[in-house]
Amino acid sequence: MKRNILFLFAGMLLTCVLGFTATISYETKNATAEADYVKGVHIFIRSTPVKEYEYLGSLKNMGMQWTGKPKEMVNKALNKAKSNTPKPTVLSFIPNS
């Protein structure tokens, strides 16, 4: 009985030690930020995601002109992206690319 309690206590102690020492090693920098999340898609404007992602294609010549309303432009591009790809998770606006 004492032996079982000793093993139980040792296991709990080991779990606690490992739990407190395990940390996520990601260093935040001045450029680290969170992206906007619209209709299930992360929106990056003149930036790139840190996490790897699959490139599905580009939206070229969308027939849009800048109206001064970013929300409207994002929604138009997002609707076009969703019609061209099955389930986009990232929409990245990179000028002149």
PDB file of N, CA and C in Angstrom:
ATOM      1  N   MET A   1       0.821  -1.198   0.000  1.00  0.00           N
ATOM      2  CA  MET A   1       0.000   0.000   0.000  1.00  0.00           C
ATOM      3  C   MET A   1       0.861   1.256   0.000  1.00  0.00           C
ATOM      4  N   LYS A   2       1.902   1.270   0.876  1.00  0.00           N
ATOM      5  CA  LYS A   2       2.777   2.438   0.932  1.00  0.00           C
ATOM      6  C   LYS A   2       3.517   2.619  -0.393  1.00  0.00           C
ATOM      7  N   ARG A   3       3.845   1.482  -1.011  1.00  0.00           N
ATOM      8  CA  ARG A   3       4.570   1.543  -2.281  1.00  0.00           C
ATOM      9  C   ARG A   3       3.692   2.182  -3.361  1.00  0.00           C
ATOM     10  N   ASN A   4       2.418   1.841  -3.410  1.00  0.00           N
ATOM     11  CA  ASN A   4       1.486   2.410  -4.398  1.00  0.00           C
ATOM     12  C   ASN A   4       1.311   3.908  -4.172  1.00  0.00           C
ATOM     13  N   ILE A   5       1.190   4.313  -2.922  1.00  0.00           N
ATOM     14  CA  ILE A   5       1.053   5.737  -2.605  1.00  0.00           C
ATOM     15  C   ILE A   5       2.315   6.488  -2.999  1.00  0.00           C
ATOM     16  N   LEU A   6       3.478   5.877  -2.790  1.00  0.00           N
ATOM     17  CA  LEU A   6       4.749   6.505  -3.160  1.00  0.00           C
ATOM     18  C   LEU A   6       4.820   6.713  -4.673  1.00  0.00           C
ATOM     19  N   PHE A   7       4.422   5.681  -5.444  1.00  0.00           N
ATOM     20  CA  PHE A   7       4.428   5.821  -6.906  1.00  0.00           C
ATOM     21  C   PHE A   7       3.416   6.869  -7.374  1.00  0.00           C
ATOM     22  N   LEU A   8       2.260   6.902  -6.755  1.00  0.00           N
ATOM     23  CA  LEU A   8       1.250   7.897  -7.090  1.00  0.00           C
ATOM     24  C   LEU A   8       1.758   9.301  -6.810  1.00  0.00           C
ATOM     25  N   PHE A   9       2.347   9.486  -5.646  1.00  0.00           N
ATOM     26  CA  PHE A   9       2.898  10.798  -5.275  1.00  0.00           C
ATOM     27  C   PHE A   9       4.036  11.205  -6.226  1.00  0.00           C
ATOM     28  N   ALA A  10       4.922  10.260  -6.568  1.00  0.00           N
ATOM     29  CA  ALA A  10       6.030  10.550  -7.486  1.00  0.00           C
ATOM     30  C   ALA A  10       5.493  10.935  -8.865  1.00  0.00           C
ATOM     31  N   GLY A  11       4.442  10.241  -9.326  1.00  0.00           N
ATOM     32  CA  GLY A  11       3.848  10.562 -10.623  1.00  0.00           C
ATOM     33  C   GLY A  11       3.207  11.937 -10.636  1.00  0.00           C
ATOM     34  N   MET A  12       2.512  12.288  -9.551  1.00  0.00           N
ATOM     35  CA  MET A  12       1.898  13.612  -9.466  1.00  0.00           C
ATOM     36  C   MET A  12       2.959  14.698  -9.412  1.00  0.00           C
ATOM     37  N   LEU A  13       4.035  14.459  -8.675  1.00  0.00           N
ATOM     38  CA  LEU A  13       5.119  15.426  -8.581  1.00  0.00           C
ATOM     39  C   LEU A  13       5.777  15.636  -9.944  1.00  0.00           C
ATOM     40  N   LEU A  14       6.031  14.552 -10.650  1.00  0.00           N
ATOM     41  CA  LEU A  14       6.635  14.644 -11.981  1.00  0.00           C
ATOM     42  C   LEU A  14       5.722  15.401 -12.946  1.00  0.00           C
ATOM     43  N   THR A  15       4.424  15.142 -12.876  1.00  0.00           N
ATOM     44  CA  THR A  15       3.465  15.842 -13.730  1.00  0.00           C
ATOM     45  C   THR A  15       3.466  17.340 -13.440  1.00  0.00           C
ATOM     46  N   CYS A  16       3.491  17.703 -12.171  1.00  0.00           N
ATOM     47  CA  CYS A  16       3.513  19.122 -11.802  1.00  0.00           C
ATOM     48  C   CYS A  16       4.788  19.806 -12.277  1.00  0.00           C
ATOM     49  N   VAL A  17       5.918  19.157 -12.101  1.00  0.00           N
ATOM     50  CA  VAL A  17       7.196  19.749 -12.516  1.00  0.00           C
ATOM     51  C   VAL A  17       7.212  19.958 -14.021  1.00  0.00           C
ATOM     52  N   LEU A  18       6.790  18.955 -14.789  1.00  0.00           N
ATOM     53  CA  LEU A  18       6.776  19.084 -16.248  1.00  0.00           C
ATOM     54  C   LEU A  18       5.752  20.113 -16.704  1.00  0.00           C
ATOM     55  N   GLY A  19       4.631  20.191 -16.032  1.00  0.00           N
ATOM     56  CA  GLY A  19       3.603  21.153 -16.392  1.00  0.00           C
ATOM     57  C   GLY A  19       4.041  22.588 -16.190  1.00  0.00           C
ATOM     58  N   PHE A  20       4.784  22.856 -15.139  1.00  0.00           N
ATOM     59  CA  PHE A  20       5.226  24.220 -14.869  1.00  0.00           C
ATOM     60  C   PHE A  20       6.427  24.627 -15.712  1.00  0.00           C
ATOM     61  N   THR A  21       7.219  23.673 -16.161  1.00  0.00           N
ATOM     62  CA  THR A  21       8.410  24.018 -16.940  1.00  0.00           C
ATOM     63  C   THR A  21       8.134  24.083 -18.438  1.00  0.00           C
ATOM     64  N   ALA A  22       7.046  23.469 -18.906  1.00  0.00           N
ATOM     65  CA  ALA A  22       6.716  23.489 -20.330  1.00  0.00           C
ATOM     66  C   ALA A  22       6.101  24.840 -20.681  1.00  0.00           C
ATOM     67  N   THR A  23       6.723  25.550 -21.615  1.00  0.00           N
ATOM     68  CA  THR A  23       6.202  26.831 -22.065  1.00  0.00           C
ATOM     69  C   THR A  23       6.248  26.879 -23.584  1.00  0.00           C
ATOM     70  N   ILE A  24       5.442  27.738 -24.143  1.00  0.00           N
ATOM     71  CA  ILE A  24       5.467  27.955 -25.590  1.00  0.00           C
ATOM     72  C   ILE A  24       6.563  28.975 -25.867  1.00  0.00           C
ATOM     73  N   SER A  25       7.500  28.597 -26.700  1.00  0.00           N
ATOM     74  CA  SER A  25       8.627  29.491 -26.958  1.00  0.00           C
ATOM     75  C   SER A  25       8.397  30.285 -28.237  1.00  0.00           C
ATOM     76  N   TYR A  26       7.619  31.332 -28.143  1.00  0.00           N
ATOM     77  CA  TYR A  26       7.403  32.250 -29.254  1.00  0.00           C
ATOM     78  C   TYR A  26       7.679  33.642 -28.741  1.00  0.00           C
ATOM     79  N   GLU A  27       8.639  34.279 -29.346  1.00  0.00           N
ATOM     80  CA  GLU A  27       9.034  35.611 -28.903  1.00  0.00           C
ATOM     81  C   GLU A  27       8.214  36.659 -29.643  1.00  0.00           C
ATOM     82  N   THR A  28       7.491  37.471 -28.911  1.00  0.00           N
ATOM     83  CA  THR A  28       6.747  38.545 -29.553  1.00  0.00           C
ATOM     84  C   THR A  28       7.694  39.701 -29.841  1.00  0.00           C
ATOM     85  N   LYS A  29       7.483  40.318 -30.982  1.00  0.00           N
ATOM     86  CA  LYS A  29       8.327  41.426 -31.419  1.00  0.00           C
ATOM     87  C   LYS A  29       7.447  42.640 -31.666  1.00  0.00           C
ATOM     88  N   ASN A  30       8.052  43.754 -32.025  1.00  0.00           N
ATOM     89  CA  ASN A  30       7.280  44.962 -32.310  1.00  0.00           C
ATOM     90  C   ASN A  30       6.311  44.756 -33.478  1.00  0.00           C
ATOM     91  N   ALA A  31       6.668  43.895 -34.402  1.00  0.00           N
ATOM     92  CA  ALA A  31       5.835  43.666 -35.576  1.00  0.00           C
ATOM     93  C   ALA A  31       4.798  42.563 -35.364  1.00  0.00           C
ATOM     94  N   THR A  32       4.785  41.923 -34.208  1.00  0.00           N
ATOM     95  CA  THR A  32       3.820  40.863 -33.945  1.00  0.00           C
ATOM     96  C   THR A  32       2.442  41.465 -33.704  1.00  0.00           C
ATOM     97  N   ALA A  33       1.441  40.887 -34.357  1.00  0.00           N
ATOM     98  CA  ALA A  33       0.076  41.410 -34.212  1.00  0.00           C
ATOM     99  C   ALA A  33      -0.920  40.298 -34.470  1.00  0.00           C
ATOM    100  N   GLU A  34      -2.178  40.581 -34.256  1.00  0.00           N
ATOM    101  CA  GLU A  34      -3.244  39.662 -34.608  1.00  0.00           C
ATOM    102  C   GLU A  34      -3.954  40.199 -35.844  1.00  0.00           C
ATOM    103  N   ALA A  35      -4.299  39.304 -36.733  1.00  0.00           N
ATOM    104  CA  ALA A  35      -4.964  39.694 -37.973  1.00  0.00           C
ATOM    105  C   ALA A  35      -6.461  39.828 -37.748  1.00  0.00           C
ATOM    106  N   ASP A  36      -7.101  40.635 -38.591  1.00  0.00           N
ATOM    107  CA  ASP A  36      -8.554  40.720 -38.561  1.00  0.00           C
ATOM    108  C   ASP A  36      -9.130  39.372 -38.977  1.00  0.00           C
ATOM    109  N   TYR A  37     -10.288  39.039 -38.462  1.00  0.00           N
ATOM    110  CA  TYR A  37     -10.951  37.774 -38.760  1.00  0.00           C
ATOM    111  C   TYR A  37     -12.349  38.095 -39.268  1.00  0.00           C
ATOM    112  N   VAL A  38     -12.557  37.912 -40.578  1.00  0.00           N
ATOM    113  CA  VAL A  38     -13.827  38.264 -41.210  1.00  0.00           C
ATOM    114  C   VAL A  38     -14.392  37.029 -41.904  1.00  0.00           C
ATOM    115  N   LYS A  39     -15.603  36.664 -41.560  1.00  0.00           N
ATOM    116  CA  LYS A  39     -16.307  35.541 -42.194  1.00  0.00           C
ATOM    117  C   LYS A  39     -15.468  34.264 -42.215  1.00  0.00           C
ATOM    118  N   GLY A  40     -14.742  34.009 -41.139  1.00  0.00           N
ATOM    119  CA  GLY A  40     -13.957  32.778 -41.035  1.00  0.00           C
ATOM    120  C   GLY A  40     -12.610  32.812 -41.727  1.00  0.00           C
ATOM    121  N   VAL A  41     -12.162  33.988 -42.161  1.00  0.00           N
ATOM    122  CA  VAL A  41     -10.897  34.122 -42.882  1.00  0.00           C
ATOM    123  C   VAL A  41     -10.051  35.194 -42.198  1.00  0.00           C
ATOM    124  N   HIS A  42      -8.759  34.900 -41.993  1.00  0.00           N
ATOM    125  CA  HIS A  42      -7.841  35.899 -41.442  1.00  0.00           C
ATOM    126  C   HIS A  42      -7.410  36.842 -42.561  1.00  0.00           C
ATOM    127  N   ILE A  43      -7.446  38.146 -42.303  1.00  0.00           N
ATOM    128  CA  ILE A  43      -7.144  39.162 -43.311  1.00  0.00           C
ATOM    129  C   ILE A  43      -5.798  39.796 -42.986  1.00  0.00           C
ATOM    130  N   PHE A  44      -4.868  39.732 -43.934  1.00  0.00           N
ATOM    131  CA  PHE A  44      -3.556  40.360 -43.787  1.00  0.00           C
ATOM    132  C   PHE A  44      -3.425  41.433 -44.868  1.00  0.00           C
ATOM    133  N   ILE A  45      -3.173  42.662 -44.474  1.00  0.00           N
ATOM    134  CA  ILE A  45      -2.991  43.750 -45.422  1.00  0.00           C
ATOM    135  C   ILE A  45      -1.561  44.248 -45.303  1.00  0.00           C
ATOM    136  N   ARG A  46      -0.811  44.122 -46.397  1.00  0.00           N
ATOM    137  CA  ARG A  46       0.604  44.495 -46.464  1.00  0.00           C
ATOM    138  C   ARG A  46       1.418  43.816 -45.364  1.00  0.00           C
ATOM    139  N   SER A  47       1.097  42.557 -45.093  1.00  0.00           N
ATOM    140  CA  SER A  47       1.831  41.763 -44.109  1.00  0.00           C
ATOM    141  C   SER A  47       1.654  40.289 -44.465  1.00  0.00           C
ATOM    142  N   THR A  48       2.401  39.443 -43.797  1.00  0.00           N
ATOM    143  CA  THR A  48       2.313  38.012 -44.049  1.00  0.00           C
ATOM    144  C   THR A  48       2.127  37.270 -42.732  1.00  0.00           C
ATOM    145  N   PRO A  49       1.421  36.145 -42.772  1.00  0.00           N
ATOM    146  CA  PRO A  49       1.245  35.364 -41.552  1.00  0.00           C
ATOM    147  C   PRO A  49       2.538  34.689 -41.110  1.00  0.00           C
ATOM    148  N   VAL A  50       2.686  34.476 -39.818  1.00  0.00           N
ATOM    149  CA  VAL A  50       3.865  33.799 -39.283  1.00  0.00           C
ATOM    150  C   VAL A  50       3.743  32.297 -39.495  1.00  0.00           C
ATOM    151  N   LYS A  51       2.554  31.758 -39.297  1.00  0.00           N
ATOM    152  CA  LYS A  51       2.313  30.335 -39.446  1.00  0.00           C
ATOM    153  C   LYS A  51       2.286  29.969 -40.929  1.00  0.00           C
ATOM    154  N   GLU A  52       2.787  28.773 -41.236  1.00  0.00           N
ATOM    155  CA  GLU A  52       2.788  28.331 -42.628  1.00  0.00           C
ATOM    156  C   GLU A  52       1.356  28.188 -43.145  1.00  0.00           C
ATOM    157  N   TYR A  53       1.182  28.440 -44.430  1.00  0.00           N
ATOM    158  CA  TYR A  53      -0.131  28.321 -45.050  1.00  0.00           C
ATOM    159  C   TYR A  53       0.044  27.840 -46.476  1.00  0.00           C
ATOM    160  N   GLU A  54      -1.011  27.298 -47.045  1.00  0.00           N
ATOM    161  CA  GLU A  54      -0.974  26.807 -48.416  1.00  0.00           C
ATOM    162  C   GLU A  54      -1.418  27.910 -49.360  1.00  0.00           C
ATOM    163  N   TYR A  55      -0.585  28.221 -50.353  1.00  0.00           N
ATOM    164  CA  TYR A  55      -0.917  29.237 -51.354  1.00  0.00           C
ATOM    165  C   TYR A  55      -1.891  28.628 -52.363  1.00  0.00           C
ATOM    166  N   LEU A  56      -3.061  29.225 -52.486  1.00  0.00           N
ATOM    167  CA  LEU A  56      -4.087  28.693 -53.386  1.00  0.00           C
ATOM    168  C   LEU A  56      -4.197  29.467 -54.684  1.00  0.00           C
ATOM    169  N   GLY A  57      -3.702  30.692 -54.735  1.00  0.00           N
ATOM    170  CA  GLY A  57      -3.774  31.468 -55.957  1.00  0.00           C
ATOM    171  C   GLY A  57      -3.902  32.950 -55.680  1.00  0.00           C
ATOM    172  N   SER A  58      -3.950  33.714 -56.754  1.00  0.00           N
ATOM    173  CA  SER A  58      -4.055  35.170 -56.661  1.00  0.00           C
ATOM    174  C   SER A  58      -5.349  35.637 -57.293  1.00  0.00           C
ATOM    175  N   LEU A  59      -5.865  36.732 -56.768  1.00  0.00           N
ATOM    176  CA  LEU A  59      -7.021  37.383 -57.384  1.00  0.00           C
ATOM    177  C   LEU A  59      -6.480  38.547 -58.196  1.00  0.00           C
ATOM    178  N   LYS A  60      -6.527  38.429 -59.498  1.00  0.00           N
ATOM    179  CA  LYS A  60      -5.982  39.477 -60.353  1.00  0.00           C
ATOM    180  C   LYS A  60      -7.111  40.209 -61.055  1.00  0.00           C
ATOM    181  N   ASN A  61      -6.895  41.507 -61.268  1.00  0.00           N
ATOM    182  CA  ASN A  61      -7.831  42.348 -62.003  1.00  0.00           C
ATOM    183  C   ASN A  61      -9.267  42.094 -61.561  1.00  0.00           C
ATOM    184  N   MET A  62      -9.522  42.436 -60.326  1.00  0.00           N
ATOM    185  CA  MET A  62     -10.839  42.186 -59.756  1.00  0.00           C
ATOM    186  C   MET A  62     -11.859  43.227 -60.200  1.00  0.00           C
ATOM    187  N   GLY A  63     -11.441  44.200 -60.990  1.00  0.00           N
ATOM    188  CA  GLY A  63     -12.360  45.219 -61.458  1.00  0.00           C
ATOM    189  C   GLY A  63     -12.800  46.155 -60.346  1.00  0.00           C
ATOM    190  N   MET A  64     -11.939  46.312 -59.348  1.00  0.00           N
ATOM    191  CA  MET A  64     -12.278  47.180 -58.223  1.00  0.00           C
ATOM    192  C   MET A  64     -11.356  48.389 -58.213  1.00  0.00           C
ATOM    193  N   GLN A  65     -11.885  49.494 -57.810  1.00  0.00           N
ATOM    194  CA  GLN A  65     -11.087  50.685 -57.572  1.00  0.00           C
ATOM    195  C   GLN A  65     -11.214  51.040 -56.104  1.00  0.00           C
ATOM    196  N   TRP A  66     -10.165  51.619 -55.579  1.00  0.00           N
ATOM    197  CA  TRP A  66     -10.156  51.995 -54.163  1.00  0.00           C
ATOM    198  C   TRP A  66     -11.208  53.066 -53.917  1.00  0.00           C
ATOM    199  N   THR A  67     -12.111  52.765 -53.004  1.00  0.00           N
ATOM    200  CA  THR A  67     -13.190  53.702 -52.703  1.00  0.00           C
ATOM    201  C   THR A  67     -12.958  54.434 -51.394  1.00  0.00           C
ATOM    202  N   GLY A  68     -11.884  54.061 -50.686  1.00  0.00           N
ATOM    203  CA  GLY A  68     -11.611  54.687 -49.401  1.00  0.00           C
ATOM    204  C   GLY A  68     -12.281  53.970 -48.252  1.00  0.00           C
ATOM    205  N   LYS A  69     -12.963  52.862 -48.531  1.00  0.00           N
ATOM    206  CA  LYS A  69     -13.632  52.088 -47.495  1.00  0.00           C
ATOM    207  C   LYS A  69     -13.013  50.690 -47.449  1.00  0.00           C
ATOM    208  N   PRO A  70     -12.024  50.477 -46.565  1.00  0.00           N
ATOM    209  CA  PRO A  70     -11.330  49.176 -46.524  1.00  0.00           C
ATOM    210  C   PRO A  70     -12.271  47.999 -46.268  1.00  0.00           C
ATOM    211  N   LYS A  71     -13.262  48.182 -45.414  1.00  0.00           N
ATOM    212  CA  LYS A  71     -14.179  47.086 -45.088  1.00  0.00           C
ATOM    213  C   LYS A  71     -14.922  46.609 -46.340  1.00  0.00           C
ATOM    214  N   GLU A  72     -15.350  47.558 -47.161  1.00  0.00           N
ATOM    215  CA  GLU A  72     -16.058  47.221 -48.393  1.00  0.00           C
ATOM    216  C   GLU A  72     -15.138  46.478 -49.362  1.00  0.00           C
ATOM    217  N   MET A  73     -13.899  46.941 -49.487  1.00  0.00           N
ATOM    218  CA  MET A  73     -12.943  46.307 -50.394  1.00  0.00           C
ATOM    219  C   MET A  73     -12.602  44.892 -49.913  1.00  0.00           C
ATOM    220  N   VAL A  74     -12.422  44.715 -48.611  1.00  0.00           N
ATOM    221  CA  VAL A  74     -12.124  43.393 -48.056  1.00  0.00           C
ATOM    222  C   VAL A  74     -13.280  42.445 -48.320  1.00  0.00           C
ATOM    223  N   ASN A  75     -14.498  42.898 -48.115  1.00  0.00           N
ATOM    224  CA  ASN A  75     -15.666  42.036 -48.352  1.00  0.00           C
ATOM    225  C   ASN A  75     -15.781  41.620 -49.811  1.00  0.00           C
ATOM    226  N   LYS A  76     -15.511  42.540 -50.750  1.00  0.00           N
ATOM    227  CA  LYS A  76     -15.562  42.193 -52.172  1.00  0.00           C
ATOM    228  C   LYS A  76     -14.496  41.150 -52.516  1.00  0.00           C
ATOM    229  N   ALA A  77     -13.278  41.382 -52.039  1.00  0.00           N
ATOM    230  CA  ALA A  77     -12.189  40.437 -52.316  1.00  0.00           C
ATOM    231  C   ALA A  77     -12.463  39.094 -51.649  1.00  0.00           C
ATOM    232  N   LEU A  78     -12.999  39.123 -50.456  1.00  0.00           N
ATOM    233  CA  LEU A  78     -13.305  37.892 -49.732  1.00  0.00           C
ATOM    234  C   LEU A  78     -14.381  37.081 -50.444  1.00  0.00           C
ATOM    235  N   ASN A  79     -15.409  37.739 -50.934  1.00  0.00           N
ATOM    236  CA  ASN A  79     -16.464  37.038 -51.676  1.00  0.00           C
ATOM    237  C   ASN A  79     -15.911  36.397 -52.947  1.00  0.00           C
ATOM    238  N   LYS A  80     -15.019  37.102 -53.636  1.00  0.00           N
ATOM    239  CA  LYS A  80     -14.423  36.544 -54.854  1.00  0.00           C
ATOM    240  C   LYS A  80     -13.512  35.373 -54.508  1.00  0.00           C
ATOM    241  N   ALA A  81     -12.724  35.502 -53.435  1.00  0.00           N
ATOM    242  CA  ALA A  81     -11.828  34.418 -53.025  1.00  0.00           C
ATOM    243  C   ALA A  81     -12.626  33.175 -52.640  1.00  0.00           C
ATOM    244  N   LYS A  82     -13.732  33.375 -51.929  1.00  0.00           N
ATOM    245  CA  LYS A  82     -14.550  32.232 -51.520  1.00  0.00           C
ATOM    246  C   LYS A  82     -15.232  31.563 -52.706  1.00  0.00           C
ATOM    247  N   SER A  83     -15.491  32.312 -53.772  1.00  0.00           N
ATOM    248  CA  SER A  83     -16.106  31.701 -54.952  1.00  0.00           C
ATOM    249  C   SER A  83     -15.068  30.940 -55.780  1.00  0.00           C
ATOM    250  N   ASN A  84     -13.780  31.305 -55.652  1.00  0.00           N
ATOM    251  CA  ASN A  84     -12.726  30.651 -56.441  1.00  0.00           C
ATOM    252  C   ASN A  84     -12.076  29.482 -55.724  1.00  0.00           C
ATOM    253  N   THR A  85     -12.107  29.449 -54.400  1.00  0.00           N
ATOM    254  CA  THR A  85     -11.454  28.388 -53.637  1.00  0.00           C
ATOM    255  C   THR A  85     -12.447  27.780 -52.660  1.00  0.00           C
ATOM    256  N   PRO A  86     -12.262  26.511 -52.305  1.00  0.00           N
ATOM    257  CA  PRO A  86     -13.248  25.844 -51.456  1.00  0.00           C
ATOM    258  C   PRO A  86     -13.355  26.432 -50.046  1.00  0.00           C
ATOM    259  N   LYS A  87     -12.274  26.516 -49.319  1.00  0.00           N
ATOM    260  CA  LYS A  87     -12.313  27.022 -47.948  1.00  0.00           C
ATOM    261  C   LYS A  87     -11.050  27.828 -47.659  1.00  0.00           C
ATOM    262  N   PRO A  88     -10.983  29.083 -48.088  1.00  0.00           N
ATOM    263  CA  PRO A  88      -9.782  29.868 -47.777  1.00  0.00           C
ATOM    264  C   PRO A  88      -9.723  30.184 -46.282  1.00  0.00           C
ATOM    265  N   THR A  89      -8.523  30.189 -45.723  1.00  0.00           N
ATOM    266  CA  THR A  89      -8.358  30.543 -44.314  1.00  0.00           C
ATOM    267  C   THR A  89      -7.578  31.836 -44.154  1.00  0.00           C
ATOM    268  N   VAL A  90      -6.847  32.237 -45.210  1.00  0.00           N
ATOM    269  CA  VAL A  90      -6.038  33.456 -45.167  1.00  0.00           C
ATOM    270  C   VAL A  90      -6.266  34.241 -46.447  1.00  0.00           C
ATOM    271  N   LEU A  91      -6.468  35.542 -46.313  1.00  0.00           N
ATOM    272  CA  LEU A  91      -6.541  36.441 -47.461  1.00  0.00           C
ATOM    273  C   LEU A  91      -5.500  37.520 -47.216  1.00  0.00           C
ATOM    274  N   SER A  92      -4.496  37.566 -48.089  1.00  0.00           N
ATOM    275  CA  SER A  92      -3.381  38.479 -47.893  1.00  0.00           C
ATOM    276  C   SER A  92      -3.344  39.496 -49.030  1.00  0.00           C
ATOM    277  N   PHE A  93      -3.398  40.776 -48.681  1.00  0.00           N
ATOM    278  CA  PHE A  93      -3.309  41.860 -49.660  1.00  0.00           C
ATOM    279  C   PHE A  93      -1.860  42.313 -49.727  1.00  0.00           C
ATOM    280  N   ILE A  94      -1.215  42.041 -50.857  1.00  0.00           N
ATOM    281  CA  ILE A  94       0.177  42.458 -51.055  1.00  0.00           C
ATOM    282  C   ILE A  94       0.194  43.312 -52.309  1.00  0.00           C
ATOM    283  N   PRO A  95       0.446  44.615 -52.175  1.00  0.00           N
ATOM    284  CA  PRO A  95       0.404  45.482 -53.352  1.00  0.00           C
ATOM    285  C   PRO A  95       1.521  45.185 -54.341  1.00  0.00           C
ATOM    286  N   ASN A  96       1.199  45.332 -55.627  1.00  0.00           N
ATOM    287  CA  ASN A  96       2.169  45.179 -56.718  1.00  0.00           C
ATOM    288  C   ASN A  96       2.870  43.834 -56.693  1.00  0.00           C
ATOM    289  N   SER A  97       2.118  42.768 -56.448  1.00  0.00           N
ATOM    290  CA  SER A  97       2.753  41.438 -56.465  1.00  0.00           C
ATOM    291  C   SER A  97       2.159  40.573 -57.545  1.00  0.00           C
TER     292      SER A  97
END
